[in-house]
Amino acid sequence: MKKNSFTAVYKKTGKWYAAWVEEMSGVNTQGRTIKEARENLKEALALVIEENRLINRPKSRKNIIRESVVV
């Protein structure tokens, strides 16, 4: 499976670290330490990617063409 790279942003607010991914809205979390925030963010990102993949899967594969596009 191809690996993708995203930009993680961490902001310390009080005793917590807020974390989000710049390239994908809706992927955000927090942690008491930056390590915990980083782990939570990886998990949140993986869940959102998987959910988006499932939502966008066509119900029927009839008349569907899939190919890689390189830019």
PDB file of N, CA and C in Angstrom:
ATOM      1  N   MET A   1       0.840  -1.183   0.000  1.00  0.00           N
ATOM      2  CA  MET A   1       0.000   0.000   0.000  1.00  0.00           C
ATOM      3  C   MET A   1       0.886   1.248   0.000  1.00  0.00           C
ATOM      4  N   LYS A   2       0.514   2.226  -0.803  1.00  0.00           N
ATOM      5  CA  LYS A   2       1.263   3.467  -0.917  1.00  0.00           C
ATOM      6  C   LYS A   2       1.129   4.291   0.363  1.00  0.00           C
ATOM      7  N   LYS A   3       2.230   4.842   0.814  1.00  0.00           N
ATOM      8  CA  LYS A   3       2.232   5.717   1.988  1.00  0.00           C
ATOM      9  C   LYS A   3       2.081   7.157   1.525  1.00  0.00           C
ATOM     10  N   ASN A   4       1.328   7.932   2.278  1.00  0.00           N
ATOM     11  CA  ASN A   4       1.151   9.348   1.997  1.00  0.00           C
ATOM     12  C   ASN A   4       1.772  10.153   3.120  1.00  0.00           C
ATOM     13  N   SER A   5       2.113  11.373   2.833  1.00  0.00           N
ATOM     14  CA  SER A   5       2.706  12.256   3.828  1.00  0.00           C
ATOM     15  C   SER A   5       1.775  13.439   4.059  1.00  0.00           C
ATOM     16  N   PHE A   6       1.562  13.781   5.317  1.00  0.00           N
ATOM     17  CA  PHE A   6       0.694  14.894   5.684  1.00  0.00           C
ATOM     18  C   PHE A   6       1.440  15.800   6.661  1.00  0.00           C
ATOM     19  N   THR A   7       0.950  17.015   6.816  1.00  0.00           N
ATOM     20  CA  THR A   7       1.562  17.964   7.735  1.00  0.00           C
ATOM     21  C   THR A   7       0.779  17.996   9.035  1.00  0.00           C
ATOM     22  N   ALA A   8       1.427  17.587  10.118  1.00  0.00           N
ATOM     23  CA  ALA A   8       0.813  17.626  11.441  1.00  0.00           C
ATOM     24  C   ALA A   8       1.174  18.948  12.108  1.00  0.00           C
ATOM     25  N   VAL A   9       0.194  19.567  12.767  1.00  0.00           N
ATOM     26  CA  VAL A   9       0.405  20.820  13.480  1.00  0.00           C
ATOM     27  C   VAL A   9       0.042  20.581  14.940  1.00  0.00           C
ATOM     28  N   TYR A  10       0.906  21.039  15.846  1.00  0.00           N
ATOM     29  CA  TYR A  10       0.675  20.873  17.282  1.00  0.00           C
ATOM     30  C   TYR A  10       0.708  22.244  17.937  1.00  0.00           C
ATOM     31  N   LYS A  11      -0.247  22.483  18.821  1.00  0.00           N
ATOM     32  CA  LYS A  11      -0.310  23.764  19.532  1.00  0.00           C
ATOM     33  C   LYS A  11      -0.548  23.477  21.006  1.00  0.00           C
ATOM     34  N   LYS A  12       0.351  23.960  21.850  1.00  0.00           N
ATOM     35  CA  LYS A  12       0.185  23.757  23.286  1.00  0.00           C
ATOM     36  C   LYS A  12      -0.785  24.795  23.826  1.00  0.00           C
ATOM     37  N   THR A  13      -1.819  24.305  24.491  1.00  0.00           N
ATOM     38  CA  THR A  13      -2.828  25.172  25.091  1.00  0.00           C
ATOM     39  C   THR A  13      -3.002  24.718  26.536  1.00  0.00           C
ATOM     40  N   GLY A  14      -2.467  25.472  27.460  1.00  0.00           N
ATOM     41  CA  GLY A  14      -2.523  25.055  28.859  1.00  0.00           C
ATOM     42  C   GLY A  14      -1.698  23.793  29.052  1.00  0.00           C
ATOM     43  N   LYS A  15      -2.331  22.763  29.593  1.00  0.00           N
ATOM     44  CA  LYS A  15      -1.636  21.493  29.836  1.00  0.00           C
ATOM     45  C   LYS A  15      -1.826  20.493  28.699  1.00  0.00           C
ATOM     46  N   TRP A  16      -2.491  20.899  27.638  1.00  0.00           N
ATOM     47  CA  TRP A  16      -2.815  19.990  26.532  1.00  0.00           C
ATOM     48  C   TRP A  16      -2.142  20.443  25.247  1.00  0.00           C
ATOM     49  N   TYR A  17      -1.963  19.476  24.349  1.00  0.00           N
ATOM     50  CA  TYR A  17      -1.510  19.752  22.994  1.00  0.00           C
ATOM     51  C   TYR A  17      -2.672  19.476  22.045  1.00  0.00           C
ATOM     52  N   ALA A  18      -3.081  20.497  21.306  1.00  0.00           N
ATOM     53  CA  ALA A  18      -4.065  20.303  20.236  1.00  0.00           C
ATOM     54  C   ALA A  18      -3.274  19.887  18.998  1.00  0.00           C
ATOM     55  N   ALA A  19      -3.863  19.021  18.188  1.00  0.00           N
ATOM     56  CA  ALA A  19      -3.162  18.544  16.993  1.00  0.00           C
ATOM     57  C   ALA A  19      -4.149  18.423  15.847  1.00  0.00           C
ATOM     58  N   TRP A  20      -3.704  18.781  14.634  1.00  0.00           N
ATOM     59  CA  TRP A  20      -4.545  18.637  13.452  1.00  0.00           C
ATOM     60  C   TRP A  20      -3.668  18.443  12.228  1.00  0.00           C
ATOM     61  N   VAL A  21      -4.302  18.016  11.146  1.00  0.00           N
ATOM     62  CA  VAL A  21      -3.615  17.806   9.871  1.00  0.00           C
ATOM     63  C   VAL A  21      -4.020  18.937   8.939  1.00  0.00           C
ATOM     64  N   GLU A  22      -3.032  19.659   8.415  1.00  0.00           N
ATOM     65  CA  GLU A  22      -3.313  20.815   7.553  1.00  0.00           C
ATOM     66  C   GLU A  22      -4.072  20.448   6.288  1.00  0.00           C
ATOM     67  N   GLU A  23      -3.728  19.326   5.672  1.00  0.00           N
ATOM     68  CA  GLU A  23      -4.269  18.990   4.360  1.00  0.00           C
ATOM     69  C   GLU A  23      -5.648  18.349   4.397  1.00  0.00           C
ATOM     70  N   MET A  24      -6.147  18.003   5.566  1.00  0.00           N
ATOM     71  CA  MET A  24      -7.412  17.276   5.616  1.00  0.00           C
ATOM     72  C   MET A  24      -8.271  17.794   6.771  1.00  0.00           C
ATOM     73  N   SER A  25      -9.361  18.470   6.433  1.00  0.00           N
ATOM     74  CA  SER A  25     -10.228  18.988   7.488  1.00  0.00           C
ATOM     75  C   SER A  25     -10.898  17.834   8.222  1.00  0.00           C
ATOM     76  N   GLY A  26     -11.161  18.036   9.493  1.00  0.00           N
ATOM     77  CA  GLY A  26     -11.826  17.021  10.299  1.00  0.00           C
ATOM     78  C   GLY A  26     -10.883  16.069  10.995  1.00  0.00           C
ATOM     79  N   VAL A  27      -9.592  16.180  10.723  1.00  0.00           N
ATOM     80  CA  VAL A  27      -8.621  15.324  11.408  1.00  0.00           C
ATOM     81  C   VAL A  27      -7.948  16.171  12.481  1.00  0.00           C
ATOM     82  N   ASN A  28      -8.449  16.047  13.694  1.00  0.00           N
ATOM     83  CA  ASN A  28      -7.884  16.783  14.816  1.00  0.00           C
ATOM     84  C   ASN A  28      -8.092  15.999  16.103  1.00  0.00           C
ATOM     85  N   THR A  29      -7.253  16.284  17.077  1.00  0.00           N
ATOM     86  CA  THR A  29      -7.299  15.564  18.341  1.00  0.00           C
ATOM     87  C   THR A  29      -6.523  16.360  19.374  1.00  0.00           C
ATOM     88  N   GLN A  30      -6.273  15.744  20.507  1.00  0.00           N
ATOM     89  CA  GLN A  30      -5.461  16.374  21.538  1.00  0.00           C
ATOM     90  C   GLN A  30      -4.758  15.303  22.351  1.00  0.00           C
ATOM     91  N   GLY A  31      -3.810  15.736  23.163  1.00  0.00           N
ATOM     92  CA  GLY A  31      -3.099  14.823  24.047  1.00  0.00           C
ATOM     93  C   GLY A  31      -2.464  15.596  25.178  1.00  0.00           C
ATOM     94  N   ARG A  32      -2.195  14.917  26.273  1.00  0.00           N
ATOM     95  CA  ARG A  32      -1.555  15.581  27.418  1.00  0.00           C
ATOM     96  C   ARG A  32      -0.079  15.829  27.166  1.00  0.00           C
ATOM     97  N   THR A  33       0.506  15.022  26.291  1.00  0.00           N
ATOM     98  CA  THR A  33       1.898  15.215  25.876  1.00  0.00           C
ATOM     99  C   THR A  33       1.915  15.276  24.352  1.00  0.00           C
ATOM    100  N   ILE A  34       3.003  15.786  23.805  1.00  0.00           N
ATOM    101  CA  ILE A  34       3.087  15.827  22.344  1.00  0.00           C
ATOM    102  C   ILE A  34       3.133  14.406  21.783  1.00  0.00           C
ATOM    103  N   LYS A  35       3.748  13.487  22.514  1.00  0.00           N
ATOM    104  CA  LYS A  35       3.788  12.091  22.072  1.00  0.00           C
ATOM    105  C   LYS A  35       2.378  11.513  21.998  1.00  0.00           C
ATOM    106  N   GLU A  36       1.570  11.775  23.017  1.00  0.00           N
ATOM    107  CA  GLU A  36       0.188  11.282  23.015  1.00  0.00           C
ATOM    108  C   GLU A  36      -0.621  11.938  21.899  1.00  0.00           C
ATOM    109  N   ALA A  37      -0.435  13.241  21.701  1.00  0.00           N
ATOM    110  CA  ALA A  37      -1.139  13.947  20.624  1.00  0.00           C
ATOM    111  C   ALA A  37      -0.738  13.384  19.267  1.00  0.00           C
ATOM    112  N   ARG A  38       0.540  13.079  19.093  1.00  0.00           N
ATOM    113  CA  ARG A  38       1.041  12.520  17.828  1.00  0.00           C
ATOM    114  C   ARG A  38       0.412  11.152  17.555  1.00  0.00           C
ATOM    115  N   GLU A  39       0.380  10.298  18.573  1.00  0.00           N
ATOM    116  CA  GLU A  39      -0.221   8.969  18.418  1.00  0.00           C
ATOM    117  C   GLU A  39      -1.717   9.075  18.123  1.00  0.00           C
ATOM    118  N   ASN A  40      -2.410   9.960  18.852  1.00  0.00           N
ATOM    119  CA  ASN A  40      -3.842  10.159  18.623  1.00  0.00           C
ATOM    120  C   ASN A  40      -4.107  10.683  17.220  1.00  0.00           C
ATOM    121  N   LEU A  41      -3.232  11.576  16.738  1.00  0.00           N
ATOM    122  CA  LEU A  41      -3.421  12.157  15.410  1.00  0.00           C
ATOM    123  C   LEU A  41      -3.232  11.106  14.318  1.00  0.00           C
ATOM    124  N   LYS A  42      -2.248  10.240  14.472  1.00  0.00           N
ATOM    125  CA  LYS A  42      -2.045   9.164  13.491  1.00  0.00           C
ATOM    126  C   LYS A  42      -3.271   8.263  13.436  1.00  0.00           C
ATOM    127  N   GLU A  43      -3.814   7.948  14.602  1.00  0.00           N
ATOM    128  CA  GLU A  43      -5.006   7.096  14.648  1.00  0.00           C
ATOM    129  C   GLU A  43      -6.201   7.795  14.005  1.00  0.00           C
ATOM    130  N   ALA A  44      -6.399   9.078  14.327  1.00  0.00           N
ATOM    131  CA  ALA A  44      -7.519   9.832  13.755  1.00  0.00           C
ATOM    132  C   ALA A  44      -7.390   9.931  12.237  1.00  0.00           C
ATOM    133  N   LEU A  45      -6.191  10.189  11.751  1.00  0.00           N
ATOM    134  CA  LEU A  45      -5.960  10.297  10.308  1.00  0.00           C
ATOM    135  C   LEU A  45      -6.248   8.971   9.610  1.00  0.00           C
ATOM    136  N   ALA A  46      -5.775   7.885  10.181  1.00  0.00           N
ATOM    137  CA  ALA A  46      -6.024   6.565   9.588  1.00  0.00           C
ATOM    138  C   ALA A  46      -7.519   6.265   9.532  1.00  0.00           C
ATOM    139  N   LEU A  47      -8.251   6.618  10.582  1.00  0.00           N
ATOM    140  CA  LEU A  47      -9.700   6.377  10.607  1.00  0.00           C
ATOM    141  C   LEU A  47     -10.427   7.206   9.553  1.00  0.00           C
ATOM    142  N   VAL A  48     -10.055   8.472   9.414  1.00  0.00           N
ATOM    143  CA  VAL A  48     -10.709   9.341   8.428  1.00  0.00           C
ATOM    144  C   VAL A  48     -10.402   8.867   7.009  1.00  0.00           C
ATOM    145  N   ILE A  49      -9.167   8.485   6.744  1.00  0.00           N
ATOM    146  CA  ILE A  49      -8.815   7.983   5.409  1.00  0.00           C
ATOM    147  C   ILE A  49      -9.611   6.727   5.096  1.00  0.00           C
ATOM    148  N   GLU A  50      -9.688   5.802   6.035  1.00  0.00           N
ATOM    149  CA  GLU A  50     -10.432   4.562   5.812  1.00  0.00           C
ATOM    150  C   GLU A  50     -11.919   4.844   5.606  1.00  0.00           C
ATOM    151  N   GLU A  51     -12.488   5.715   6.411  1.00  0.00           N
ATOM    152  CA  GLU A  51     -13.910   6.041   6.280  1.00  0.00           C
ATOM    153  C   GLU A  51     -14.190   6.698   4.931  1.00  0.00           C
ATOM    154  N   ASN A  52     -13.337   7.622   4.513  1.00  0.00           N
ATOM    155  CA  ASN A  52     -13.511   8.266   3.204  1.00  0.00           C
ATOM    156  C   ASN A  52     -13.410   7.249   2.074  1.00  0.00           C
ATOM    157  N   ARG A  53     -12.500   6.298   2.215  1.00  0.00           N
ATOM    158  CA  ARG A  53     -12.354   5.249   1.198  1.00  0.00           C
ATOM    159  C   ARG A  53     -13.631   4.423   1.102  1.00  0.00           C
ATOM    160  N   LEU A  54     -14.215   4.082   2.243  1.00  0.00           N
ATOM    161  CA  LEU A  54     -15.445   3.287   2.250  1.00  0.00           C
ATOM    162  C   LEU A  54     -16.635   4.074   1.712  1.00  0.00           C
ATOM    163  N   ILE A  55     -16.730   5.342   2.081  1.00  0.00           N
ATOM    164  CA  ILE A  55     -17.840   6.185   1.626  1.00  0.00           C
ATOM    165  C   ILE A  55     -17.792   6.365   0.113  1.00  0.00           C
ATOM    166  N   ASN A  56     -16.590   6.536  -0.430  1.00  0.00           N
ATOM    167  CA  ASN A  56     -16.438   6.822  -1.858  1.00  0.00           C
ATOM    168  C   ASN A  56     -16.371   5.586  -2.734  1.00  0.00           C
ATOM    169  N   ARG A  57     -16.450   4.410  -2.149  1.00  0.00           N
ATOM    170  CA  ARG A  57     -16.429   3.176  -2.936  1.00  0.00           C
ATOM    171  C   ARG A  57     -17.732   3.075  -3.724  1.00  0.00           C
ATOM    172  N   PRO A  58     -17.649   2.852  -5.021  1.00  0.00           N
ATOM    173  CA  PRO A  58     -18.886   2.729  -5.802  1.00  0.00           C
ATOM    174  C   PRO A  58     -19.671   1.486  -5.390  1.00  0.00           C
ATOM    175  N   LYS A  59     -20.996   1.621  -5.385  1.00  0.00           N
ATOM    176  CA  LYS A  59     -21.861   0.500  -5.023  1.00  0.00           C
ATOM    177  C   LYS A  59     -21.801  -0.589  -6.088  1.00  0.00           C
ATOM    178  N   SER A  60     -21.607  -0.186  -7.326  1.00  0.00           N
ATOM    179  CA  SER A  60     -21.505  -1.139  -8.427  1.00  0.00           C
ATOM    180  C   SER A  60     -20.195  -0.885  -9.159  1.00  0.00           C
ATOM    181  N   ARG A  61     -19.535  -1.910  -9.556  1.00  0.00           N
ATOM    182  CA  ARG A  61     -18.275  -1.766 -10.287  1.00  0.00           C
ATOM    183  C   ARG A  61     -18.491  -1.759 -11.796  1.00  0.00           C
ATOM    184  N   LYS A  62     -19.737  -1.835 -12.212  1.00  0.00           N
ATOM    185  CA  LYS A  62     -20.073  -1.817 -13.624  1.00  0.00           C
ATOM    186  C   LYS A  62     -19.756  -0.438 -14.214  1.00  0.00           C
ATOM    187  N   ASN A  63     -19.162  -0.424 -15.378  1.00  0.00           N
ATOM    188  CA  ASN A  63     -18.851   0.816 -16.098  1.00  0.00           C
ATOM    189  C   ASN A  63     -17.886   1.725 -15.338  1.00  0.00           C
ATOM    190  N   ILE A  64     -17.073   1.157 -14.468  1.00  0.00           N
ATOM    191  CA  ILE A  64     -16.109   1.935 -13.693  1.00  0.00           C
ATOM    192  C   ILE A  64     -14.708   1.652 -14.221  1.00  0.00           C
ATOM    193  N   ILE A  65     -13.961   2.710 -14.481  1.00  0.00           N
ATOM    194  CA  ILE A  65     -12.569   2.581 -14.901  1.00  0.00           C
ATOM    195  C   ILE A  65     -11.713   3.231 -13.821  1.00  0.00           C
ATOM    196  N   ARG A  66     -10.718   2.503 -13.340  1.00  0.00           N
ATOM    197  CA  ARG A  66      -9.815   3.041 -12.334  1.00  0.00           C
ATOM    198  C   ARG A  66      -8.404   3.033 -12.894  1.00  0.00           C
ATOM    199  N   GLU A  67      -7.665   4.137 -12.690  1.00  0.00           N
ATOM    200  CA  GLU A  67      -6.284   4.214 -13.124  1.00  0.00           C
ATOM    201  C   GLU A  67      -5.536   5.203 -12.253  1.00  0.00           C
ATOM    202  N   SER A  68      -4.232   5.074 -12.213  1.00  0.00           N
ATOM    203  CA  SER A  68      -3.394   6.013 -11.472  1.00  0.00           C
ATOM    204  C   SER A  68      -3.219   7.284 -12.285  1.00  0.00           C
ATOM    205  N   VAL A  69      -3.198   8.406 -11.616  1.00  0.00           N
ATOM    206  CA  VAL A  69      -2.942   9.697 -12.249  1.00  0.00           C
ATOM    207  C   VAL A  69      -1.726  10.292 -11.551  1.00  0.00           C
ATOM    208  N   VAL A  70      -0.707  10.594 -12.310  1.00  0.00           N
ATOM    209  CA  VAL A  70       0.514  11.152 -11.752  1.00  0.00           C
ATOM    210  C   VAL A  70       0.608  12.611 -12.156  1.00  0.00           C
ATOM    211  N   VAL A  71       0.838  13.485 -11.184  1.00  0.00           N
ATOM    212  CA  VAL A  71       0.992  14.917 -11.467  1.00  0.00           C
ATOM    213  C   VAL A  71       2.304  15.415 -10.917  1.00  0.00           C
TER     214      VAL A  71
END
